[in-house]
Amino acid sequence: MKHVIFMAGLLALAAGCGTAEAPCTKQVPQSKIDLVDQTQLQADIVALDAYLDSKAIVAVKDPSGVRYVITKAGDDTRPCLQSTVTVKYAGRLMNGTGFDAGVNPTSFTLGNLVLGWQFAFLNFGKGTKATLYIPSGYGYGPAGSGTRIPPNSNLIFDIELITFI
């Protein structure tokens, strides 16, 4: 009996999110969204939209305020916040200054990443390539990150969602 229970557990892990053993959250919790300064968020969205307009970029406008352009559509599967996503990515500020790149496949738990990635990736299937335009509050907010990302910086990421489990 123990062997059967163990094997069922392994099968649930292999199946990923969406089982009784592994819940599948497909929405960023309101409690996380409530922590974002809404005045700054609205200013960021205006700045991002002006940036996109100035470059004649037509982006999907997620209701959260995140903008994205899909350059290659993935399949019909979608990750959960509990999923481990494997990605390639490059991040830059709106002035073009690069701050991070994961050109080799790198894996993260989606729910541990900046909110902008959480909002966007819940809409992407395996194999999706996209450019994300993230308001500062859904990135590193008023604290910034180290010396490379100043406070209240809107972020741009070129990403490829290779896979997730």
N, C-alpha and C. Protein backbone atom coordinates (compact mmCIF):
# COMPACT_ATOMS: atom_id res chain seq x y z
N MET A 1 0.82 -1.19 0.00
CA MET A 1 0.00 0.00 0.00
C MET A 1 0.87 1.26 0.00
N LYS A 2 1.94 1.26 0.82
CA LYS A 2 2.82 2.42 0.87
C LYS A 2 3.41 2.69 -0.50
N HIS A 3 3.77 1.63 -1.23
CA HIS A 3 4.35 1.79 -2.56
C HIS A 3 3.36 2.47 -3.51
N VAL A 4 2.10 2.09 -3.45
CA VAL A 4 1.07 2.69 -4.30
C VAL A 4 0.90 4.17 -3.97
N ILE A 5 0.86 4.51 -2.70
CA ILE A 5 0.73 5.92 -2.29
C ILE A 5 1.95 6.70 -2.75
N PHE A 6 3.14 6.13 -2.59
CA PHE A 6 4.36 6.79 -3.02
C PHE A 6 4.33 7.03 -4.53
N MET A 7 3.94 6.01 -5.29
CA MET A 7 3.88 6.14 -6.76
C MET A 7 2.84 7.19 -7.16
N ALA A 8 1.70 7.24 -6.47
CA ALA A 8 0.67 8.25 -6.78
C ALA A 8 1.23 9.64 -6.52
N GLY A 9 2.00 9.78 -5.44
CA GLY A 9 2.63 11.07 -5.16
C GLY A 9 3.62 11.47 -6.23
N LEU A 10 4.40 10.52 -6.70
CA LEU A 10 5.34 10.81 -7.79
C LEU A 10 4.60 11.22 -9.05
N LEU A 11 3.52 10.53 -9.36
CA LEU A 11 2.74 10.89 -10.54
C LEU A 11 2.15 12.29 -10.40
N ALA A 12 1.69 12.65 -9.22
CA ALA A 12 1.15 14.00 -9.00
C ALA A 12 2.23 15.04 -9.19
N LEU A 13 3.45 14.76 -8.70
CA LEU A 13 4.55 15.70 -8.91
C LEU A 13 4.87 15.83 -10.39
N ALA A 14 4.88 14.72 -11.10
CA ALA A 14 5.18 14.76 -12.53
C ALA A 14 4.11 15.53 -13.29
N ALA A 15 2.88 15.45 -12.83
CA ALA A 15 1.79 16.14 -13.51
C ALA A 15 1.84 17.64 -13.30
N GLY A 16 2.51 18.09 -12.24
CA GLY A 16 2.63 19.52 -11.98
C GLY A 16 1.46 20.03 -11.18
N CYS A 17 1.13 21.30 -11.40
CA CYS A 17 0.07 21.96 -10.64
C CYS A 17 -1.29 21.42 -11.02
N GLY A 18 -2.23 21.67 -10.13
CA GLY A 18 -3.61 21.37 -10.47
C GLY A 18 -4.15 20.10 -9.85
N THR A 19 -3.37 19.45 -9.00
CA THR A 19 -3.87 18.26 -8.33
C THR A 19 -4.14 18.62 -6.88
N ALA A 20 -4.78 17.72 -6.16
CA ALA A 20 -5.05 17.97 -4.75
C ALA A 20 -3.75 18.13 -3.97
N GLU A 21 -2.71 17.40 -4.39
CA GLU A 21 -1.42 17.48 -3.72
C GLU A 21 -0.66 18.75 -4.12
N ALA A 22 -0.93 19.28 -5.29
CA ALA A 22 -0.21 20.46 -5.80
C ALA A 22 -1.22 21.44 -6.38
N PRO A 23 -1.70 22.39 -5.56
CA PRO A 23 -2.70 23.34 -6.06
C PRO A 23 -2.15 24.18 -7.22
N CYS A 24 -3.06 24.70 -8.00
CA CYS A 24 -2.68 25.49 -9.17
C CYS A 24 -3.31 26.87 -9.07
N THR A 25 -2.51 27.86 -8.68
CA THR A 25 -3.00 29.22 -8.56
C THR A 25 -2.76 29.94 -9.88
N LYS A 26 -3.82 30.44 -10.49
CA LYS A 26 -3.75 31.08 -11.80
C LYS A 26 -4.01 32.58 -11.73
N GLN A 27 -3.91 33.15 -10.53
CA GLN A 27 -4.16 34.58 -10.36
C GLN A 27 -3.25 35.11 -9.26
N VAL A 28 -2.64 36.28 -9.52
CA VAL A 28 -1.79 36.90 -8.51
C VAL A 28 -2.69 37.30 -7.34
N PRO A 29 -2.32 36.94 -6.11
CA PRO A 29 -3.16 37.27 -4.95
C PRO A 29 -3.35 38.78 -4.78
N GLN A 30 -4.56 39.16 -4.46
CA GLN A 30 -4.89 40.58 -4.25
C GLN A 30 -4.03 41.17 -3.13
N SER A 31 -3.67 40.36 -2.16
CA SER A 31 -2.86 40.86 -1.05
C SER A 31 -1.50 41.37 -1.53
N LYS A 32 -0.93 40.75 -2.57
CA LYS A 32 0.33 41.22 -3.14
C LYS A 32 0.12 42.51 -3.94
N ILE A 33 -0.98 42.56 -4.67
CA ILE A 33 -1.29 43.75 -5.48
C ILE A 33 -1.52 44.95 -4.58
N ASP A 34 -2.19 44.74 -3.45
CA ASP A 34 -2.51 45.81 -2.52
C ASP A 34 -1.26 46.49 -1.94
N LEU A 35 -0.13 45.81 -1.98
CA LEU A 35 1.11 46.37 -1.44
C LEU A 35 1.76 47.39 -2.38
N VAL A 36 1.29 47.44 -3.62
CA VAL A 36 1.87 48.34 -4.63
C VAL A 36 1.24 49.72 -4.51
N ASP A 37 2.08 50.76 -4.51
CA ASP A 37 1.63 52.16 -4.48
C ASP A 37 0.83 52.44 -5.75
N GLN A 38 -0.48 52.64 -5.62
CA GLN A 38 -1.36 52.80 -6.77
C GLN A 38 -1.11 54.11 -7.53
N THR A 39 -0.71 55.16 -6.84
CA THR A 39 -0.39 56.43 -7.51
C THR A 39 0.83 56.25 -8.40
N GLN A 40 1.87 55.60 -7.87
CA GLN A 40 3.07 55.33 -8.67
C GLN A 40 2.74 54.39 -9.81
N LEU A 41 1.91 53.38 -9.57
CA LEU A 41 1.52 52.44 -10.61
C LEU A 41 0.87 53.17 -11.78
N GLN A 42 -0.05 54.08 -11.49
CA GLN A 42 -0.72 54.82 -12.57
C GLN A 42 0.27 55.68 -13.35
N ALA A 43 1.22 56.31 -12.66
CA ALA A 43 2.25 57.11 -13.33
C ALA A 43 3.14 56.21 -14.20
N ASP A 44 3.46 55.03 -13.70
CA ASP A 44 4.28 54.08 -14.47
C ASP A 44 3.56 53.63 -15.74
N ILE A 45 2.27 53.34 -15.62
CA ILE A 45 1.50 52.89 -16.78
C ILE A 45 1.48 53.99 -17.84
N VAL A 46 1.29 55.23 -17.43
CA VAL A 46 1.31 56.35 -18.37
C VAL A 46 2.67 56.42 -19.07
N ALA A 47 3.75 56.29 -18.28
CA ALA A 47 5.11 56.35 -18.84
C ALA A 47 5.37 55.19 -19.80
N LEU A 48 4.93 53.99 -19.43
CA LEU A 48 5.12 52.84 -20.31
C LEU A 48 4.34 53.01 -21.61
N ASP A 49 3.10 53.44 -21.50
CA ASP A 49 2.29 53.63 -22.71
C ASP A 49 2.90 54.71 -23.61
N ALA A 50 3.43 55.79 -23.03
CA ALA A 50 4.09 56.84 -23.83
C ALA A 50 5.33 56.28 -24.51
N TYR A 51 6.09 55.47 -23.80
CA TYR A 51 7.28 54.84 -24.37
C TYR A 51 6.89 53.96 -25.55
N LEU A 52 5.89 53.12 -25.36
CA LEU A 52 5.44 52.23 -26.42
C LEU A 52 4.94 53.03 -27.62
N ASP A 53 4.16 54.08 -27.37
CA ASP A 53 3.65 54.93 -28.46
C ASP A 53 4.80 55.58 -29.22
N SER A 54 5.81 56.07 -28.50
CA SER A 54 6.94 56.76 -29.15
C SER A 54 7.74 55.83 -30.04
N LYS A 55 7.68 54.54 -29.77
CA LYS A 55 8.41 53.55 -30.56
C LYS A 55 7.48 52.78 -31.50
N ALA A 56 6.21 53.19 -31.56
CA ALA A 56 5.20 52.54 -32.41
C ALA A 56 5.10 51.03 -32.12
N ILE A 57 5.18 50.69 -30.85
CA ILE A 57 5.06 49.29 -30.41
C ILE A 57 3.62 49.06 -29.98
N VAL A 58 2.99 48.05 -30.57
CA VAL A 58 1.63 47.68 -30.20
C VAL A 58 1.72 46.50 -29.24
N ALA A 59 1.33 46.74 -28.01
CA ALA A 59 1.47 45.73 -26.96
C ALA A 59 0.10 45.31 -26.44
N VAL A 60 0.04 44.10 -25.93
CA VAL A 60 -1.13 43.64 -25.20
C VAL A 60 -1.15 44.40 -23.88
N LYS A 61 -2.31 44.93 -23.52
CA LYS A 61 -2.45 45.69 -22.28
C LYS A 61 -3.16 44.82 -21.25
N ASP A 62 -2.34 44.15 -20.44
CA ASP A 62 -2.91 43.34 -19.37
C ASP A 62 -3.62 44.26 -18.40
N PRO A 63 -4.78 43.87 -17.86
CA PRO A 63 -5.50 44.72 -16.91
C PRO A 63 -4.66 45.14 -15.69
N SER A 64 -3.63 44.39 -15.37
CA SER A 64 -2.77 44.72 -14.24
C SER A 64 -1.96 45.99 -14.47
N GLY A 65 -1.72 46.32 -15.74
CA GLY A 65 -0.83 47.42 -16.09
C GLY A 65 0.42 46.94 -16.80
N VAL A 66 0.70 45.64 -16.71
CA VAL A 66 1.82 45.06 -17.46
C VAL A 66 1.46 45.08 -18.93
N ARG A 67 2.45 45.38 -19.75
CA ARG A 67 2.28 45.35 -21.21
C ARG A 67 3.22 44.29 -21.75
N TYR A 68 2.82 43.62 -22.85
CA TYR A 68 3.73 42.66 -23.45
C TYR A 68 3.44 42.50 -24.93
N VAL A 69 4.50 42.11 -25.64
CA VAL A 69 4.41 41.81 -27.07
C VAL A 69 4.90 40.39 -27.25
N ILE A 70 4.04 39.53 -27.76
CA ILE A 70 4.43 38.14 -28.02
C ILE A 70 5.07 38.10 -29.41
N THR A 71 6.33 37.64 -29.45
CA THR A 71 7.03 37.53 -30.72
C THR A 71 6.97 36.11 -31.28
N LYS A 72 6.69 35.14 -30.39
CA LYS A 72 6.47 33.75 -30.81
C LYS A 72 5.48 33.14 -29.83
N ALA A 73 4.35 32.72 -30.33
CA ALA A 73 3.34 32.10 -29.47
C ALA A 73 3.78 30.70 -29.06
N GLY A 74 3.51 30.37 -27.81
CA GLY A 74 3.79 29.03 -27.32
C GLY A 74 2.58 28.14 -27.47
N ASP A 75 2.59 27.02 -26.77
CA ASP A 75 1.46 26.10 -26.84
C ASP A 75 0.32 26.57 -25.94
N ASP A 76 -0.68 25.72 -25.77
CA ASP A 76 -1.89 26.12 -25.03
C ASP A 76 -1.80 25.89 -23.52
N THR A 77 -0.73 25.31 -23.03
CA THR A 77 -0.60 25.09 -21.59
C THR A 77 -0.19 26.40 -20.91
N ARG A 78 -0.55 26.55 -19.64
CA ARG A 78 -0.21 27.76 -18.89
C ARG A 78 0.33 27.35 -17.52
N PRO A 79 1.37 28.03 -17.05
CA PRO A 79 1.89 27.70 -15.72
C PRO A 79 0.99 28.20 -14.61
N CYS A 80 1.26 27.72 -13.42
CA CYS A 80 0.64 28.17 -12.18
C CYS A 80 1.69 28.98 -11.42
N LEU A 81 1.26 29.73 -10.44
CA LEU A 81 2.23 30.44 -9.61
C LEU A 81 3.18 29.46 -8.91
N GLN A 82 2.73 28.23 -8.68
CA GLN A 82 3.56 27.22 -8.03
C GLN A 82 4.52 26.55 -9.00
N SER A 83 4.37 26.79 -10.29
CA SER A 83 5.21 26.13 -11.30
C SER A 83 6.66 26.60 -11.23
N THR A 84 7.55 25.71 -11.57
CA THR A 84 8.94 26.07 -11.80
C THR A 84 9.06 26.35 -13.29
N VAL A 85 9.36 27.60 -13.62
CA VAL A 85 9.50 28.00 -15.02
C VAL A 85 10.98 27.99 -15.40
N THR A 86 11.26 27.52 -16.59
CA THR A 86 12.62 27.55 -17.13
C THR A 86 12.62 28.55 -18.26
N VAL A 87 13.48 29.57 -18.14
CA VAL A 87 13.45 30.70 -19.06
C VAL A 87 14.85 31.11 -19.50
N LYS A 88 14.88 31.83 -20.61
CA LYS A 88 16.02 32.65 -21.00
C LYS A 88 15.48 34.07 -20.96
N TYR A 89 16.30 35.03 -20.53
CA TYR A 89 15.80 36.39 -20.42
C TYR A 89 16.93 37.41 -20.46
N ALA A 90 16.56 38.63 -20.76
CA ALA A 90 17.46 39.78 -20.65
C ALA A 90 16.62 40.94 -20.16
N GLY A 91 17.11 41.65 -19.15
CA GLY A 91 16.37 42.77 -18.58
C GLY A 91 17.10 44.07 -18.82
N ARG A 92 16.32 45.13 -19.07
CA ARG A 92 16.91 46.45 -19.27
C ARG A 92 15.96 47.52 -18.75
N LEU A 93 16.51 48.68 -18.54
CA LEU A 93 15.71 49.84 -18.16
C LEU A 93 15.15 50.48 -19.43
N MET A 94 14.21 51.41 -19.28
CA MET A 94 13.61 52.05 -20.45
C MET A 94 14.63 52.87 -21.25
N ASN A 95 15.74 53.27 -20.62
CA ASN A 95 16.78 54.00 -21.35
C ASN A 95 17.72 53.07 -22.10
N GLY A 96 17.45 51.77 -22.04
CA GLY A 96 18.25 50.79 -22.77
C GLY A 96 19.36 50.14 -21.98
N THR A 97 19.64 50.61 -20.76
CA THR A 97 20.70 50.06 -19.94
C THR A 97 20.34 48.65 -19.47
N GLY A 98 21.16 47.67 -19.84
CA GLY A 98 20.93 46.30 -19.40
C GLY A 98 21.31 46.12 -17.95
N PHE A 99 20.56 45.28 -17.24
CA PHE A 99 20.88 45.04 -15.83
C PHE A 99 20.98 43.57 -15.48
N ASP A 100 20.47 42.68 -16.32
CA ASP A 100 20.52 41.25 -16.00
C ASP A 100 20.24 40.46 -17.26
N ALA A 101 20.85 39.28 -17.34
CA ALA A 101 20.58 38.40 -18.47
C ALA A 101 20.79 36.96 -18.03
N GLY A 102 19.83 36.14 -18.35
CA GLY A 102 19.93 34.71 -18.13
C GLY A 102 19.87 34.04 -19.49
N VAL A 103 20.96 34.15 -20.26
CA VAL A 103 20.95 33.64 -21.63
C VAL A 103 20.95 32.12 -21.68
N ASN A 104 21.46 31.50 -20.61
CA ASN A 104 21.34 30.05 -20.49
C ASN A 104 20.04 29.78 -19.76
N PRO A 105 19.39 28.67 -20.08
CA PRO A 105 18.14 28.39 -19.37
C PRO A 105 18.32 28.41 -17.85
N THR A 106 17.43 29.15 -17.19
CA THR A 106 17.46 29.31 -15.75
C THR A 106 16.07 28.99 -15.22
N SER A 107 16.00 28.34 -14.08
CA SER A 107 14.70 27.94 -13.51
C SER A 107 14.40 28.69 -12.23
N PHE A 108 13.12 29.08 -12.09
CA PHE A 108 12.64 29.80 -10.92
C PHE A 108 11.23 29.32 -10.61
N THR A 109 10.82 29.44 -9.35
CA THR A 109 9.41 29.26 -9.00
C THR A 109 8.70 30.56 -9.38
N LEU A 110 7.69 30.49 -10.23
CA LEU A 110 7.03 31.68 -10.75
C LEU A 110 6.52 32.58 -9.63
N GLY A 111 5.92 32.02 -8.60
CA GLY A 111 5.37 32.81 -7.50
C GLY A 111 6.41 33.56 -6.68
N ASN A 112 7.70 33.27 -6.89
CA ASN A 112 8.77 33.97 -6.17
C ASN A 112 9.35 35.11 -6.99
N LEU A 113 8.91 35.28 -8.22
CA LEU A 113 9.46 36.31 -9.10
C LEU A 113 8.70 37.62 -8.95
N VAL A 114 9.23 38.69 -9.56
CA VAL A 114 8.55 39.98 -9.49
C VAL A 114 7.13 39.84 -10.02
N LEU A 115 6.23 40.64 -9.50
CA LEU A 115 4.82 40.54 -9.87
C LEU A 115 4.59 40.67 -11.37
N GLY A 116 5.36 41.51 -12.03
CA GLY A 116 5.20 41.68 -13.48
C GLY A 116 5.37 40.37 -14.23
N TRP A 117 6.34 39.57 -13.82
CA TRP A 117 6.52 38.26 -14.45
C TRP A 117 5.34 37.36 -14.12
N GLN A 118 4.86 37.42 -12.88
CA GLN A 118 3.73 36.57 -12.50
C GLN A 118 2.51 36.89 -13.35
N PHE A 119 2.17 38.18 -13.47
CA PHE A 119 1.02 38.56 -14.29
C PHE A 119 1.18 38.06 -15.72
N ALA A 120 2.33 38.31 -16.32
CA ALA A 120 2.54 37.98 -17.73
C ALA A 120 2.60 36.48 -17.97
N PHE A 121 3.39 35.77 -17.17
CA PHE A 121 3.63 34.35 -17.44
C PHE A 121 2.37 33.51 -17.29
N LEU A 122 1.41 33.96 -16.50
CA LEU A 122 0.16 33.21 -16.39
C LEU A 122 -0.60 33.21 -17.72
N ASN A 123 -0.20 34.08 -18.65
CA ASN A 123 -0.83 34.15 -19.97
C ASN A 123 -0.04 33.43 -21.06
N PHE A 124 1.12 32.88 -20.73
CA PHE A 124 2.03 32.33 -21.73
C PHE A 124 2.09 30.81 -21.65
N GLY A 125 2.18 30.18 -22.83
CA GLY A 125 2.39 28.75 -22.92
C GLY A 125 3.85 28.42 -23.13
N LYS A 126 4.17 27.15 -23.02
CA LYS A 126 5.54 26.69 -23.26
C LYS A 126 5.97 27.14 -24.66
N GLY A 127 7.18 27.66 -24.74
CA GLY A 127 7.73 28.09 -26.02
C GLY A 127 7.49 29.55 -26.36
N THR A 128 6.72 30.26 -25.54
CA THR A 128 6.44 31.67 -25.82
C THR A 128 7.71 32.50 -25.73
N LYS A 129 7.86 33.40 -26.69
CA LYS A 129 8.89 34.44 -26.63
C LYS A 129 8.14 35.76 -26.62
N ALA A 130 8.56 36.66 -25.74
CA ALA A 130 7.84 37.93 -25.60
C ALA A 130 8.76 38.99 -25.02
N THR A 131 8.31 40.23 -25.17
CA THR A 131 8.93 41.36 -24.50
C THR A 131 7.92 41.88 -23.49
N LEU A 132 8.35 41.99 -22.22
CA LEU A 132 7.50 42.46 -21.14
C LEU A 132 7.86 43.90 -20.80
N TYR A 133 6.85 44.72 -20.54
CA TYR A 133 7.02 46.10 -20.10
C TYR A 133 6.34 46.19 -18.74
N ILE A 134 7.16 46.32 -17.69
CA ILE A 134 6.67 46.15 -16.33
C ILE A 134 6.73 47.45 -15.54
N PRO A 135 5.59 47.90 -15.00
CA PRO A 135 5.59 49.07 -14.12
C PRO A 135 6.49 48.81 -12.90
N SER A 136 7.10 49.87 -12.39
CA SER A 136 8.08 49.72 -11.30
C SER A 136 7.54 48.98 -10.09
N GLY A 137 6.29 49.23 -9.72
CA GLY A 137 5.72 48.58 -8.55
C GLY A 137 5.58 47.08 -8.70
N TYR A 138 5.54 46.62 -9.94
CA TYR A 138 5.49 45.18 -10.21
C TYR A 138 6.87 44.64 -10.51
N GLY A 139 7.89 45.50 -10.35
CA GLY A 139 9.29 45.10 -10.48
C GLY A 139 9.93 45.19 -9.11
N TYR A 140 10.82 46.18 -8.96
CA TYR A 140 11.54 46.32 -7.69
C TYR A 140 11.10 47.54 -6.90
N GLY A 141 10.10 48.29 -7.39
CA GLY A 141 9.45 49.35 -6.64
C GLY A 141 10.37 50.46 -6.16
N PRO A 142 9.97 51.10 -5.05
CA PRO A 142 10.72 52.25 -4.55
C PRO A 142 12.10 51.90 -4.01
N ALA A 143 12.36 50.63 -3.75
CA ALA A 143 13.67 50.22 -3.24
C ALA A 143 14.69 50.04 -4.37
N GLY A 144 14.20 49.77 -5.60
CA GLY A 144 15.14 49.41 -6.66
C GLY A 144 15.81 48.10 -6.33
N SER A 145 16.93 47.84 -7.00
CA SER A 145 17.67 46.61 -6.72
C SER A 145 19.15 46.86 -6.97
N GLY A 146 19.90 46.90 -5.89
CA GLY A 146 21.34 47.13 -6.01
C GLY A 146 21.64 48.46 -6.67
N THR A 147 22.76 48.49 -7.37
CA THR A 147 23.16 49.72 -8.05
C THR A 147 22.69 49.77 -9.50
N ARG A 148 22.16 48.67 -10.00
CA ARG A 148 21.81 48.60 -11.43
C ARG A 148 20.36 48.98 -11.73
N ILE A 149 19.48 48.86 -10.74
CA ILE A 149 18.07 49.19 -10.95
C ILE A 149 17.69 50.28 -9.95
N PRO A 150 17.59 51.53 -10.41
CA PRO A 150 17.23 52.63 -9.51
C PRO A 150 15.79 52.48 -8.98
N PRO A 151 15.47 53.17 -7.90
CA PRO A 151 14.10 53.15 -7.38
C PRO A 151 13.09 53.57 -8.45
N ASN A 152 11.92 52.94 -8.39
CA ASN A 152 10.79 53.26 -9.28
C ASN A 152 11.15 53.18 -10.77
N SER A 153 11.92 52.16 -11.13
CA SER A 153 12.29 51.96 -12.53
C SER A 153 11.32 51.01 -13.21
N ASN A 154 10.75 51.46 -14.33
CA ASN A 154 9.99 50.57 -15.18
C ASN A 154 10.98 49.66 -15.89
N LEU A 155 10.60 48.41 -16.09
CA LEU A 155 11.53 47.41 -16.60
C LEU A 155 11.05 46.81 -17.91
N ILE A 156 12.01 46.40 -18.72
CA ILE A 156 11.72 45.71 -19.98
C ILE A 156 12.49 44.40 -19.96
N PHE A 157 11.79 43.31 -20.24
CA PHE A 157 12.43 42.00 -20.31
C PHE A 157 12.11 41.35 -21.64
N ASP A 158 13.13 40.80 -22.29
CA ASP A 158 12.93 39.89 -23.41
C ASP A 158 13.02 38.52 -22.81
N ILE A 159 11.96 37.73 -22.95
CA ILE A 159 11.92 36.42 -22.29
C ILE A 159 11.58 35.32 -23.28
N GLU A 160 11.99 34.13 -22.93
CA GLU A 160 11.55 32.92 -23.62
C GLU A 160 11.17 31.93 -22.53
N LEU A 161 9.91 31.52 -22.52
CA LEU A 161 9.44 30.50 -21.58
C LEU A 161 9.69 29.14 -22.21
N ILE A 162 10.77 28.53 -21.82
CA ILE A 162 11.18 27.27 -22.44
C ILE A 162 10.24 26.15 -22.02
N THR A 163 10.02 26.03 -20.72
CA THR A 163 9.13 24.99 -20.20
C THR A 163 8.75 25.33 -18.76
N PHE A 164 7.89 24.54 -18.19
CA PHE A 164 7.55 24.65 -16.77
C PHE A 164 7.02 23.33 -16.28
N ILE A 165 7.17 23.14 -14.96
CA ILE A 165 6.65 21.92 -14.32
C ILE A 165 5.97 22.32 -13.02
